[in-house]
Amino acid sequence: MAESIKQKQTFAIQAPAALSVQLVGDFTHWQKTPVQLRKEAGGVWKTAVELAPGIHHYRFLVDGEWRDDPECTVRVPNPFGSQNSTRKVA
């Protein structure tokens, strides 16, 4: 069963003043089905999603503005003149 090979991946971003943070990427069809993050202590927003093996491209939407993942060092250019963060799932 293909579902069993998916692995839980945690995504987090520091945004203490934000009212809303969403995770969007190729695995959410970008803005079609964004994942809402929950605000935790210290202004860190977090979520965990199940991802299939492979390389996934993603970004954060913080109060409607595109943001890079500051923790991610591997980025690729996107068609909009900015960069997508990447997450490799083994």
C-alpha atoms as a PDB file:
ATOM      1  CA  MET A   1       0.000   0.000   0.000  1.00  0.00           C
ATOM      2  CA  ALA A   2       1.531   3.302  -1.131  1.00  0.00           C
ATOM      3  CA  GLU A   3       0.310   5.300   1.892  1.00  0.00           C
ATOM      4  CA  SER A   4       2.561   3.363   4.269  1.00  0.00           C
ATOM      5  CA  ILE A   5       5.754   4.725   2.679  1.00  0.00           C
ATOM      6  CA  LYS A   6       4.848   8.331   3.414  1.00  0.00           C
ATOM      7  CA  GLN A   7       6.857   9.913   6.199  1.00  0.00           C
ATOM      8  CA  LYS A   8       5.805  12.560   8.684  1.00  0.00           C
ATOM      9  CA  GLN A   9       7.720  15.803   8.124  1.00  0.00           C
ATOM     10  CA  THR A  10       7.626  18.767  10.490  1.00  0.00           C
ATOM     11  CA  PHE A  11       7.646  22.316   9.130  1.00  0.00           C
ATOM     12  CA  ALA A  12       8.129  25.376  11.348  1.00  0.00           C
ATOM     13  CA  ILE A  13       8.717  29.097  10.983  1.00  0.00           C
ATOM     14  CA  GLN A  14       9.303  31.894  13.491  1.00  0.00           C
ATOM     15  CA  ALA A  15       6.642  34.575  12.982  1.00  0.00           C
ATOM     16  CA  PRO A  16       5.550  35.967  16.377  1.00  0.00           C
ATOM     17  CA  ALA A  17       3.456  38.832  14.952  1.00  0.00           C
ATOM     18  CA  ALA A  18       1.650  36.723  12.336  1.00  0.00           C
ATOM     19  CA  LEU A  19      -2.088  36.117  12.486  1.00  0.00           C
ATOM     20  CA  SER A  20      -2.046  33.281   9.941  1.00  0.00           C
ATOM     21  CA  VAL A  21       0.652  30.988   8.565  1.00  0.00           C
ATOM     22  CA  GLN A  22       0.135  28.422   5.812  1.00  0.00           C
ATOM     23  CA  LEU A  23       2.395  25.809   4.261  1.00  0.00           C
ATOM     24  CA  VAL A  24       2.040  25.544   0.494  1.00  0.00           C
ATOM     25  CA  GLY A  25       3.968  23.404  -1.955  1.00  0.00           C
ATOM     26  CA  ASP A  26       3.833  20.877  -4.726  1.00  0.00           C
ATOM     27  CA  PHE A  27       2.259  18.455  -2.218  1.00  0.00           C
ATOM     28  CA  THR A  28      -0.667  20.876  -1.563  1.00  0.00           C
ATOM     29  CA  HIS A  29      -1.072  21.865  -5.218  1.00  0.00           C
ATOM     30  CA  TRP A  30       0.317  25.181  -3.953  1.00  0.00           C
ATOM     31  CA  GLN A  31      -2.503  27.522  -2.892  1.00  0.00           C
ATOM     32  CA  LYS A  32      -5.262  25.051  -3.817  1.00  0.00           C
ATOM     33  CA  THR A  33      -5.084  23.107  -0.530  1.00  0.00           C
ATOM     34  CA  PRO A  34      -2.782  24.964   1.897  1.00  0.00           C
ATOM     35  CA  VAL A  35      -1.939  23.495   5.301  1.00  0.00           C
ATOM     36  CA  GLN A  36      -2.649  25.762   8.292  1.00  0.00           C
ATOM     37  CA  LEU A  37       0.123  25.948  10.876  1.00  0.00           C
ATOM     38  CA  ARG A  38      -0.549  26.252  14.625  1.00  0.00           C
ATOM     39  CA  LYS A  39       1.090  28.958  16.707  1.00  0.00           C
ATOM     40  CA  GLU A  40       3.134  27.602  19.595  1.00  0.00           C
ATOM     41  CA  ALA A  41       5.149  29.170  22.407  1.00  0.00           C
ATOM     42  CA  GLY A  42       7.695  31.772  21.377  1.00  0.00           C
ATOM     43  CA  GLY A  43       5.889  32.704  18.165  1.00  0.00           C
ATOM     44  CA  VAL A  44       6.880  29.530  16.316  1.00  0.00           C
ATOM     45  CA  TRP A  45       4.276  28.173  13.901  1.00  0.00           C
ATOM     46  CA  LYS A  46       4.356  24.410  13.272  1.00  0.00           C
ATOM     47  CA  THR A  47       2.684  21.622  11.372  1.00  0.00           C
ATOM     48  CA  ALA A  48       3.447  18.041  10.388  1.00  0.00           C
ATOM     49  CA  VAL A  49       2.475  16.523   7.054  1.00  0.00           C
ATOM     50  CA  GLU A  50       2.875  13.085   5.518  1.00  0.00           C
ATOM     51  CA  LEU A  51       5.045  13.231   2.407  1.00  0.00           C
ATOM     52  CA  ALA A  52       5.945  10.574  -0.127  1.00  0.00           C
ATOM     53  CA  PRO A  53       9.630   9.931  -0.831  1.00  0.00           C
ATOM     54  CA  GLY A  54      11.233  12.388  -3.228  1.00  0.00           C
ATOM     55  CA  ILE A  55      12.079  16.072  -3.413  1.00  0.00           C
ATOM     56  CA  HIS A  56       9.299  18.491  -2.528  1.00  0.00           C
ATOM     57  CA  HIS A  57       9.200  22.238  -3.185  1.00  0.00           C
ATOM     58  CA  TYR A  58       7.405  24.515  -0.719  1.00  0.00           C
ATOM     59  CA  ARG A  59       7.062  28.003   0.740  1.00  0.00           C
ATOM     60  CA  PHE A  60       5.236  29.622   3.623  1.00  0.00           C
ATOM     61  CA  LEU A  61       2.414  32.147   3.347  1.00  0.00           C
ATOM     62  CA  VAL A  62       2.595  34.456   6.380  1.00  0.00           C
ATOM     63  CA  ASP A  63      -0.450  36.731   6.570  1.00  0.00           C
ATOM     64  CA  GLY A  64      -0.797  36.288   2.796  1.00  0.00           C
ATOM     65  CA  GLU A  65       2.842  37.132   1.990  1.00  0.00           C
ATOM     66  CA  TRP A  66       5.256  34.590   0.508  1.00  0.00           C
ATOM     67  CA  ARG A  67       8.130  33.682   2.835  1.00  0.00           C
ATOM     68  CA  ASP A  68      11.165  31.452   2.499  1.00  0.00           C
ATOM     69  CA  ASP A  69      11.955  28.825   5.112  1.00  0.00           C
ATOM     70  CA  PRO A  70      14.953  30.346   6.959  1.00  0.00           C
ATOM     71  CA  GLU A  71      15.955  26.867   8.187  1.00  0.00           C
ATOM     72  CA  CYS A  72      16.184  25.461   4.643  1.00  0.00           C
ATOM     73  CA  THR A  73      19.526  25.859   2.880  1.00  0.00           C
ATOM     74  CA  VAL A  74      18.570  24.160  -0.393  1.00  0.00           C
ATOM     75  CA  ARG A  75      16.453  26.377  -2.635  1.00  0.00           C
ATOM     76  CA  VAL A  76      15.531  26.380  -6.308  1.00  0.00           C
ATOM     77  CA  PRO A  77      14.410  29.300  -8.496  1.00  0.00           C
ATOM     78  CA  ASN A  78      10.689  29.452  -9.249  1.00  0.00           C
ATOM     79  CA  PRO A  79       8.885  31.090 -12.212  1.00  0.00           C
ATOM     80  CA  PHE A  80       7.942  34.109 -10.066  1.00  0.00           C
ATOM     81  CA  GLY A  81      11.464  35.482  -9.581  1.00  0.00           C
ATOM     82  CA  SER A  82      11.900  34.136  -6.051  1.00  0.00           C
ATOM     83  CA  GLN A  83      12.914  30.748  -4.698  1.00  0.00           C
ATOM     84  CA  ASN A  84      11.208  27.645  -3.397  1.00  0.00           C
ATOM     85  CA  SER A  85      12.588  25.737  -0.422  1.00  0.00           C
ATOM     86  CA  THR A  86      13.152  22.018  -0.930  1.00  0.00           C
ATOM     87  CA  ARG A  87      12.632  19.058   1.384  1.00  0.00           C
ATOM     88  CA  LYS A  88      14.075  15.658   0.512  1.00  0.00           C
ATOM     89  CA  VAL A  89      12.199  12.672   1.906  1.00  0.00           C
ATOM     90  CA  ALA A  90      14.134   9.389   1.825  1.00  0.00           C
END
